[in-house]
Every structure is written in C-alpha cells, then in structure tokens.
C-alpha cells in the first residue's frame, strides 16, 4: 500500500512539475514572439544610424553579397579581423553607388572582440568609423571612441599605422596611451575594411 501511495505521489509531483515547465515554456515563447519584432526594428535602427554616421552623404543603403578575394582574405586572417556585413551606399537618386559601408570585427582586442562600421567612398576616401561593440579596459582601451575615432575621420590612405610618438601624416594614428593592443585592433580592423573596399572598387584609391 505504501508503495502505491509513493508512486501516486511521484506521479502527482511529476505532473505538477510538467505543468509548470510547460507553462514556463509557453510564456517564454509568447514573450519571444512579442519582443522579436521590436528587437529587430531596434537593431535595424542601430545599423542605419551607424551607416549614416560613417556615410552621411548617402540617401539609402543596401546589403550586398561580397566574399573577399585571396589577398584581402589573407590580410584579414593575418590581422585577426573578420569582415561582417557590407552595404552599398546610394546617392539621392537611389541608383548611383557612392561607396560602401563595411562592418569589421577584430578578434584581437584586449578585452575580446570589437566591432566597427566604416564608410569608404568609391575613390578610397574614408569618411569615418563608428565603434558598435567594445569591451576594453575602462579609462584605457575604452577611450577608443574619444581618442581613435576622430583620427580616422575624412582621411585618404590605403592603410594606416599607429605611433606612440605623435602622428606625422594622415596615415598615422596616435595610439591611446597605455592601450596599444586596443589601438592595434582598431587600426587592423580599419585596414581590413580598406583592403576589402579597394577590392570592391577595382583598386580605386589604393
């Protein structure tokens, strides 16, 4: 009799646990469906704002399929950089391509990966960069937005180097004091994007 009672208790408790699990799963599914579209819209807004920040002269952006060639791929791999989404930037007429917005991800940041967007015109002119994700040391690498981003604004260079002794040309970037690793990661990410942009434009501006 005791065994039957124990079995009934186990079945009852199991049923209650199953009901709770099922209810929680349904609730999570409902919340996901409820928030999926707002999250997608918010992410889309964030991407558009980043595109406009680095290519303010464009009227529209369209994602394109692009696979880096052997040379560009080799540089990206050597620098620990991954090319993300690439967009064409269109003029006011909606047809003329002004250049490209490229997403690059450096895997060599001091605190891990960092992601940036960069706008490059068809003649290789770098409008600027926007850092979307970064997790570096506070008061050091986290100063990248303040120290590094302005230095890449409106520059024409095939590639950039960084220095600790003061830049002497448009292609030199002043490193963040005490954060050389972060400086290198950002610079490599920009150089990878420039290489890809030059390839997209057939070498114009390189």
C-alpha atoms as a PDB file:
ATOM      1  CA  UNK A   1       0.000   0.000   0.000  1.00  0.00           C
ATOM      2  CA  UNK A   2       2.814   2.353   0.897  1.00  0.00           C
ATOM      3  CA  UNK A   3       4.432   1.628  -2.482  1.00  0.00           C
ATOM      4  CA  UNK A   4       1.230   2.529  -4.332  1.00  0.00           C
ATOM      5  CA  UNK A   5       0.978   5.725  -2.332  1.00  0.00           C
ATOM      6  CA  UNK A   6       4.609   6.648  -3.129  1.00  0.00           C
ATOM      7  CA  UNK A   7       4.004   6.005  -6.831  1.00  0.00           C
ATOM      8  CA  UNK A   8       0.887   8.179  -6.816  1.00  0.00           C
ATOM      9  CA  UNK A   9       2.813  10.936  -5.020  1.00  0.00           C
ATOM     10  CA  UNK A  10       5.625  10.758  -7.552  1.00  0.00           C
ATOM     11  CA  UNK A  11       3.174  10.866 -10.451  1.00  0.00           C
ATOM     12  CA  UNK A  12       1.343  13.791  -8.904  1.00  0.00           C
ATOM     13  CA  UNK A  13       4.557  15.749  -8.288  1.00  0.00           C
ATOM     14  CA  UNK A  14       5.808  14.857 -11.771  1.00  0.00           C
ATOM     15  CA  UNK A  15       2.559  16.097 -13.276  1.00  0.00           C
ATOM     16  CA  UNK A  16       2.820  19.370 -11.375  1.00  0.00           C
ATOM     17  CA  UNK A  17       6.436  19.807 -12.498  1.00  0.00           C
ATOM     18  CA  UNK A  18       5.481  19.073 -16.105  1.00  0.00           C
ATOM     19  CA  UNK A  19       2.641  21.599 -15.969  1.00  0.00           C
ATOM     20  CA  UNK A  20       4.965  24.271 -14.539  1.00  0.00           C
ATOM     21  CA  UNK A  21       7.607  23.545 -17.192  1.00  0.00           C
ATOM     22  CA  UNK A  22       5.010  23.622 -19.966  1.00  0.00           C
ATOM     23  CA  UNK A  23       3.551  26.900 -18.714  1.00  0.00           C
ATOM     24  CA  UNK A  24       7.016  28.462 -18.429  1.00  0.00           C
ATOM     25  CA  UNK A  25       7.903  27.314 -21.947  1.00  0.00           C
ATOM     26  CA  UNK A  26       4.687  28.732 -23.384  1.00  0.00           C
ATOM     27  CA  UNK A  27       5.235  32.003 -21.540  1.00  0.00           C
ATOM     28  CA  UNK A  28       8.802  32.304 -22.817  1.00  0.00           C
ATOM     29  CA  UNK A  29       7.627  31.574 -26.348  1.00  0.00           C
ATOM     30  CA  UNK A  30       4.926  34.223 -26.048  1.00  0.00           C
ATOM     31  CA  UNK A  31       7.396  36.813 -24.712  1.00  0.00           C
ATOM     32  CA  UNK A  32       9.846  35.983 -27.520  1.00  0.00           C
ATOM     33  CA  UNK A  33       7.184  36.445 -30.209  1.00  0.00           C
ATOM     34  CA  UNK A  34       6.043  39.645 -28.532  1.00  0.00           C
ATOM     35  CA  UNK A  35       9.541  41.178 -28.408  1.00  0.00           C
ATOM     36  CA  UNK A  36      11.045  39.721 -31.599  1.00  0.00           C
ATOM     37  CA  UNK A  37       9.775  42.425 -33.946  1.00  0.00           C
ATOM     38  CA  UNK A  38      10.632  45.410 -31.663  1.00  0.00           C
ATOM     39  CA  UNK A  39      14.140  43.990 -31.187  1.00  0.00           C
ATOM     40  CA  UNK A  40      14.540  43.541 -34.950  1.00  0.00           C
ATOM     41  CA  UNK A  41      13.376  47.094 -35.578  1.00  0.00           C
ATOM     42  CA  UNK A  42      15.711  48.446 -32.908  1.00  0.00           C
ATOM     43  CA  UNK A  43      18.679  46.565 -34.374  1.00  0.00           C
ATOM     44  CA  UNK A  44      17.776  47.852 -37.838  1.00  0.00           C
ATOM     45  CA  UNK A  45      17.624  51.400 -36.496  1.00  0.00           C
ATOM     46  CA  UNK A  46      21.015  50.971 -34.805  1.00  0.00           C
ATOM     47  CA  UNK A  47      22.579  49.727 -38.046  1.00  0.00           C
ATOM     48  CA  UNK A  48      21.071  52.558 -40.115  1.00  0.00           C
ATOM     49  CA  UNK A  49      22.319  55.140 -37.603  1.00  0.00           C
ATOM     50  CA  UNK A  50      25.813  53.635 -37.789  1.00  0.00           C
ATOM     51  CA  UNK A  51      25.697  53.683 -41.608  1.00  0.00           C
ATOM     52  CA  UNK A  52      24.609  57.325 -41.648  1.00  0.00           C
ATOM     53  CA  UNK A  53      27.302  58.228 -39.141  1.00  0.00           C
ATOM     54  CA  UNK A  54      30.066  56.903 -41.392  1.00  0.00           C
ATOM     55  CA  UNK A  55      28.392  57.828 -44.708  1.00  0.00           C
ATOM     56  CA  UNK A  56      26.287  60.953 -44.024  1.00  0.00           C
ATOM     57  CA  UNK A  57      26.014  61.827 -47.706  1.00  0.00           C
ATOM     58  CA  UNK A  58      24.126  58.650 -48.598  1.00  0.00           C
ATOM     59  CA  UNK A  59      20.348  58.508 -49.019  1.00  0.00           C
ATOM     60  CA  UNK A  60      19.977  54.729 -48.759  1.00  0.00           C
ATOM     61  CA  UNK A  61      21.922  51.568 -48.002  1.00  0.00           C
ATOM     62  CA  UNK A  62      21.569  48.068 -49.363  1.00  0.00           C
ATOM     63  CA  UNK A  63      23.271  44.911 -48.106  1.00  0.00           C
ATOM     64  CA  UNK A  64      25.328  43.085 -50.725  1.00  0.00           C
ATOM     65  CA  UNK A  65      26.939  39.675 -51.012  1.00  0.00           C
ATOM     66  CA  UNK A  66      30.695  40.018 -51.021  1.00  0.00           C
ATOM     67  CA  UNK A  67      33.393  37.403 -50.488  1.00  0.00           C
ATOM     68  CA  UNK A  68      36.922  38.808 -50.064  1.00  0.00           C
ATOM     69  CA  UNK A  69      39.489  37.748 -52.646  1.00  0.00           C
ATOM     70  CA  UNK A  70      42.605  35.822 -51.744  1.00  0.00           C
ATOM     71  CA  UNK A  71      44.773  38.858 -50.978  1.00  0.00           C
ATOM     72  CA  UNK A  72      42.157  40.621 -48.850  1.00  0.00           C
ATOM     73  CA  UNK A  73      41.290  37.381 -47.059  1.00  0.00           C
ATOM     74  CA  UNK A  74      44.942  36.732 -46.256  1.00  0.00           C
ATOM     75  CA  UNK A  75      45.351  40.181 -44.700  1.00  0.00           C
ATOM     76  CA  UNK A  76      42.162  39.851 -42.684  1.00  0.00           C
ATOM     77  CA  UNK A  77      43.224  36.477 -41.319  1.00  0.00           C
ATOM     78  CA  UNK A  78      46.763  37.653 -40.522  1.00  0.00           C
ATOM     79  CA  UNK A  79      45.401  40.610 -38.544  1.00  0.00           C
ATOM     80  CA  UNK A  80      42.732  38.609 -36.708  1.00  0.00           C
ATOM     81  CA  UNK A  81      39.949  40.546 -38.441  1.00  0.00           C
ATOM     82  CA  UNK A  82      36.666  39.223 -39.764  1.00  0.00           C
ATOM     83  CA  UNK A  83      34.612  41.011 -42.389  1.00  0.00           C
ATOM     84  CA  UNK A  84      30.944  41.245 -41.482  1.00  0.00           C
ATOM     85  CA  UNK A  85      28.070  42.796 -43.433  1.00  0.00           C
ATOM     86  CA  UNK A  86      28.813  45.048 -46.395  1.00  0.00           C
ATOM     87  CA  UNK A  87      26.400  47.696 -47.678  1.00  0.00           C
ATOM     88  CA  UNK A  88      26.319  49.783 -50.833  1.00  0.00           C
ATOM     89  CA  UNK A  89      25.702  53.465 -50.132  1.00  0.00           C
ATOM     90  CA  UNK A  90      23.407  55.150 -52.673  1.00  0.00           C
ATOM     91  CA  UNK A  91      23.039  58.784 -53.656  1.00  0.00           C
ATOM     92  CA  UNK A  92      19.843  60.841 -53.644  1.00  0.00           C
ATOM     93  CA  UNK A  93      18.722  59.336 -56.958  1.00  0.00           C
ATOM     94  CA  UNK A  94      18.671  55.887 -55.358  1.00  0.00           C
ATOM     95  CA  UNK A  95      20.718  54.415 -58.211  1.00  0.00           C
ATOM     96  CA  UNK A  96      24.250  55.826 -58.111  1.00  0.00           C
ATOM     97  CA  UNK A  97      26.618  53.980 -55.770  1.00  0.00           C
ATOM     98  CA  UNK A  98      28.668  56.439 -53.724  1.00  0.00           C
ATOM     99  CA  UNK A  99      30.711  53.821 -51.900  1.00  0.00           C
ATOM    100  CA  UNK A 100      30.457  51.207 -49.200  1.00  0.00           C
ATOM    101  CA  UNK A 101      29.818  50.732 -45.507  1.00  0.00           C
ATOM    102  CA  UNK A 102      31.759  47.792 -44.148  1.00  0.00           C
ATOM    103  CA  UNK A 103      31.416  46.014 -40.824  1.00  0.00           C
ATOM    104  CA  UNK A 104      34.700  44.643 -39.490  1.00  0.00           C
ATOM    105  CA  UNK A 105      35.263  42.630 -36.327  1.00  0.00           C
ATOM    106  CA  UNK A 106      38.681  42.484 -34.685  1.00  0.00           C
ATOM    107  CA  UNK A 107      39.283  39.412 -32.552  1.00  0.00           C
ATOM    108  CA  UNK A 108      42.479  40.887 -31.106  1.00  0.00           C
ATOM    109  CA  UNK A 109      41.111  43.483 -28.686  1.00  0.00           C
ATOM    110  CA  UNK A 110      42.467  43.466 -25.142  1.00  0.00           C
ATOM    111  CA  UNK A 111      39.020  42.562 -23.812  1.00  0.00           C
ATOM    112  CA  UNK A 112      37.983  40.373 -26.725  1.00  0.00           C
ATOM    113  CA  UNK A 113      36.183  41.206 -29.955  1.00  0.00           C
ATOM    114  CA  UNK A 114      35.377  44.743 -31.053  1.00  0.00           C
ATOM    115  CA  UNK A 115      33.093  45.667 -33.923  1.00  0.00           C
ATOM    116  CA  UNK A 116      33.133  48.788 -36.037  1.00  0.00           C
ATOM    117  CA  UNK A 117      31.464  50.234 -39.121  1.00  0.00           C
ATOM    118  CA  UNK A 118      33.394  52.299 -41.644  1.00  0.00           C
ATOM    119  CA  UNK A 119      32.314  54.310 -44.672  1.00  0.00           C
ATOM    120  CA  UNK A 120      34.536  54.352 -47.759  1.00  0.00           C
ATOM    121  CA  UNK A 121      33.799  56.262 -50.972  1.00  0.00           C
ATOM    122  CA  UNK A 122      34.430  54.777 -54.407  1.00  0.00           C
ATOM    123  CA  UNK A 123      37.705  56.697 -54.674  1.00  0.00           C
ATOM    124  CA  UNK A 124      39.010  55.303 -51.387  1.00  0.00           C
ATOM    125  CA  UNK A 125      38.165  58.256 -49.140  1.00  0.00           C
ATOM    126  CA  UNK A 126      37.467  57.162 -45.567  1.00  0.00           C
ATOM    127  CA  UNK A 127      34.538  59.179 -44.237  1.00  0.00           C
ATOM    128  CA  UNK A 128      34.985  57.830 -40.741  1.00  0.00           C
ATOM    129  CA  UNK A 129      34.385  54.900 -38.416  1.00  0.00           C
ATOM    130  CA  UNK A 130      31.839  54.066 -35.736  1.00  0.00           C
ATOM    131  CA  UNK A 131      32.538  51.568 -32.950  1.00  0.00           C
ATOM    132  CA  UNK A 132      29.457  49.450 -32.290  1.00  0.00           C
ATOM    133  CA  UNK A 133      30.775  46.944 -29.756  1.00  0.00           C
ATOM    134  CA  UNK A 134      33.794  47.226 -27.500  1.00  0.00           C
ATOM    135  CA  UNK A 135      34.732  45.781 -24.118  1.00  0.00           C
ATOM    136  CA  UNK A 136      38.157  47.113 -23.231  1.00  0.00           C
ATOM    137  CA  UNK A 137      39.765  48.352 -20.023  1.00  0.00           C
ATOM    138  CA  UNK A 138      37.985  51.397 -18.530  1.00  0.00           C
ATOM    139  CA  UNK A 139      39.964  54.663 -18.835  1.00  0.00           C
ATOM    140  CA  UNK A 140      42.352  52.934 -21.277  1.00  0.00           C
ATOM    141  CA  UNK A 141      41.044  50.932 -24.231  1.00  0.00           C
ATOM    142  CA  UNK A 142      37.520  52.229 -23.652  1.00  0.00           C
ATOM    143  CA  UNK A 143      38.827  55.647 -24.717  1.00  0.00           C
ATOM    144  CA  UNK A 144      38.892  54.395 -28.314  1.00  0.00           C
ATOM    145  CA  UNK A 145      35.718  56.310 -29.156  1.00  0.00           C
ATOM    146  CA  UNK A 146      37.219  59.502 -27.781  1.00  0.00           C
ATOM    147  CA  UNK A 147      40.817  59.154 -28.985  1.00  0.00           C
ATOM    148  CA  UNK A 148      40.850  56.937 -32.073  1.00  0.00           C
ATOM    149  CA  UNK A 149      37.550  57.513 -33.883  1.00  0.00           C
ATOM    150  CA  UNK A 150      38.180  61.233 -34.651  1.00  0.00           C
ATOM    151  CA  UNK A 151      41.593  60.403 -36.114  1.00  0.00           C
ATOM    152  CA  UNK A 152      40.063  58.235 -38.853  1.00  0.00           C
ATOM    153  CA  UNK A 153      37.602  60.915 -39.937  1.00  0.00           C
ATOM    154  CA  UNK A 154      37.884  62.199 -43.527  1.00  0.00           C
ATOM    155  CA  UNK A 155      41.191  60.556 -44.399  1.00  0.00           C
ATOM    156  CA  UNK A 156      42.608  59.225 -47.666  1.00  0.00           C
ATOM    157  CA  UNK A 157      45.028  56.352 -47.129  1.00  0.00           C
ATOM    158  CA  UNK A 158      45.494  52.839 -48.456  1.00  0.00           C
ATOM    159  CA  UNK A 159      46.309  51.692 -44.923  1.00  0.00           C
ATOM    160  CA  UNK A 160      47.034  53.137 -41.503  1.00  0.00           C
ATOM    161  CA  UNK A 161      49.807  52.654 -38.975  1.00  0.00           C
ATOM    162  CA  UNK A 162      49.858  53.762 -35.359  1.00  0.00           C
ATOM    163  CA  UNK A 163      52.566  55.525 -33.400  1.00  0.00           C
ATOM    164  CA  UNK A 164      53.345  56.374 -29.786  1.00  0.00           C
ATOM    165  CA  UNK A 165      55.419  59.445 -30.635  1.00  0.00           C
ATOM    166  CA  UNK A 166      52.910  61.652 -32.434  1.00  0.00           C
ATOM    167  CA  UNK A 167      51.496  61.217 -35.936  1.00  0.00           C
ATOM    168  CA  UNK A 168      53.345  62.917 -38.772  1.00  0.00           C
ATOM    169  CA  UNK A 169      50.974  62.106 -41.655  1.00  0.00           C
ATOM    170  CA  UNK A 170      47.317  61.373 -42.389  1.00  0.00           C
ATOM    171  CA  UNK A 171      48.067  57.662 -42.452  1.00  0.00           C
ATOM    172  CA  UNK A 172      49.465  57.644 -38.891  1.00  0.00           C
ATOM    173  CA  UNK A 173      47.245  57.299 -35.843  1.00  0.00           C
ATOM    174  CA  UNK A 174      48.256  58.387 -32.348  1.00  0.00           C
ATOM    175  CA  UNK A 175      47.947  55.357 -30.076  1.00  0.00           C
ATOM    176  CA  UNK A 176      45.910  55.510 -26.886  1.00  0.00           C
ATOM    177  CA  UNK A 177      48.376  55.892 -24.030  1.00  0.00           C
ATOM    178  CA  UNK A 178      48.589  52.577 -22.195  1.00  0.00           C
ATOM    179  CA  UNK A 179      46.301  50.792 -24.676  1.00  0.00           C
ATOM    180  CA  UNK A 180      48.455  49.769 -27.625  1.00  0.00           C
ATOM    181  CA  UNK A 181      46.574  46.476 -28.018  1.00  0.00           C
ATOM    182  CA  UNK A 182      43.262  48.280 -28.461  1.00  0.00           C
ATOM    183  CA  UNK A 183      44.845  50.783 -30.861  1.00  0.00           C
ATOM    184  CA  UNK A 184      46.273  47.963 -32.966  1.00  0.00           C
ATOM    185  CA  UNK A 185      42.943  46.090 -33.006  1.00  0.00           C
ATOM    186  CA  UNK A 186      41.043  49.149 -34.240  1.00  0.00           C
ATOM    187  CA  UNK A 187      43.733  50.032 -36.804  1.00  0.00           C
ATOM    188  CA  UNK A 188      43.824  46.467 -38.138  1.00  0.00           C
ATOM    189  CA  UNK A 189      40.024  46.422 -38.405  1.00  0.00           C
ATOM    190  CA  UNK A 190      40.107  49.649 -40.423  1.00  0.00           C
ATOM    191  CA  UNK A 191      42.912  48.397 -42.676  1.00  0.00           C
ATOM    192  CA  UNK A 192      40.990  45.187 -43.359  1.00  0.00           C
ATOM    193  CA  UNK A 193      37.952  47.204 -44.391  1.00  0.00           C
ATOM    194  CA  UNK A 194      40.045  49.447 -46.638  1.00  0.00           C
ATOM    195  CA  UNK A 195      41.525  46.394 -48.346  1.00  0.00           C
ATOM    196  CA  UNK A 196      38.065  44.987 -48.984  1.00  0.00           C
ATOM    197  CA  UNK A 197      36.752  48.371 -50.201  1.00  0.00           C
ATOM    198  CA  UNK A 198      39.661  48.698 -52.645  1.00  0.00           C
ATOM    199  CA  UNK A 199      38.833  45.267 -53.970  1.00  0.00           C
ATOM    200  CA  UNK A 200      35.148  46.179 -54.338  1.00  0.00           C
ATOM    201  CA  UNK A 201      36.024  49.279 -56.354  1.00  0.00           C
ATOM    202  CA  UNK A 202      38.577  47.501 -58.502  1.00  0.00           C
ATOM    203  CA  UNK A 203      41.526  49.124 -56.772  1.00  0.00           C
ATOM    204  CA  UNK A 204      40.360  52.716 -56.989  1.00  0.00           C
ATOM    205  CA  UNK A 205      42.011  54.791 -54.301  1.00  0.00           C
ATOM    206  CA  UNK A 206      44.539  52.119 -53.367  1.00  0.00           C
END
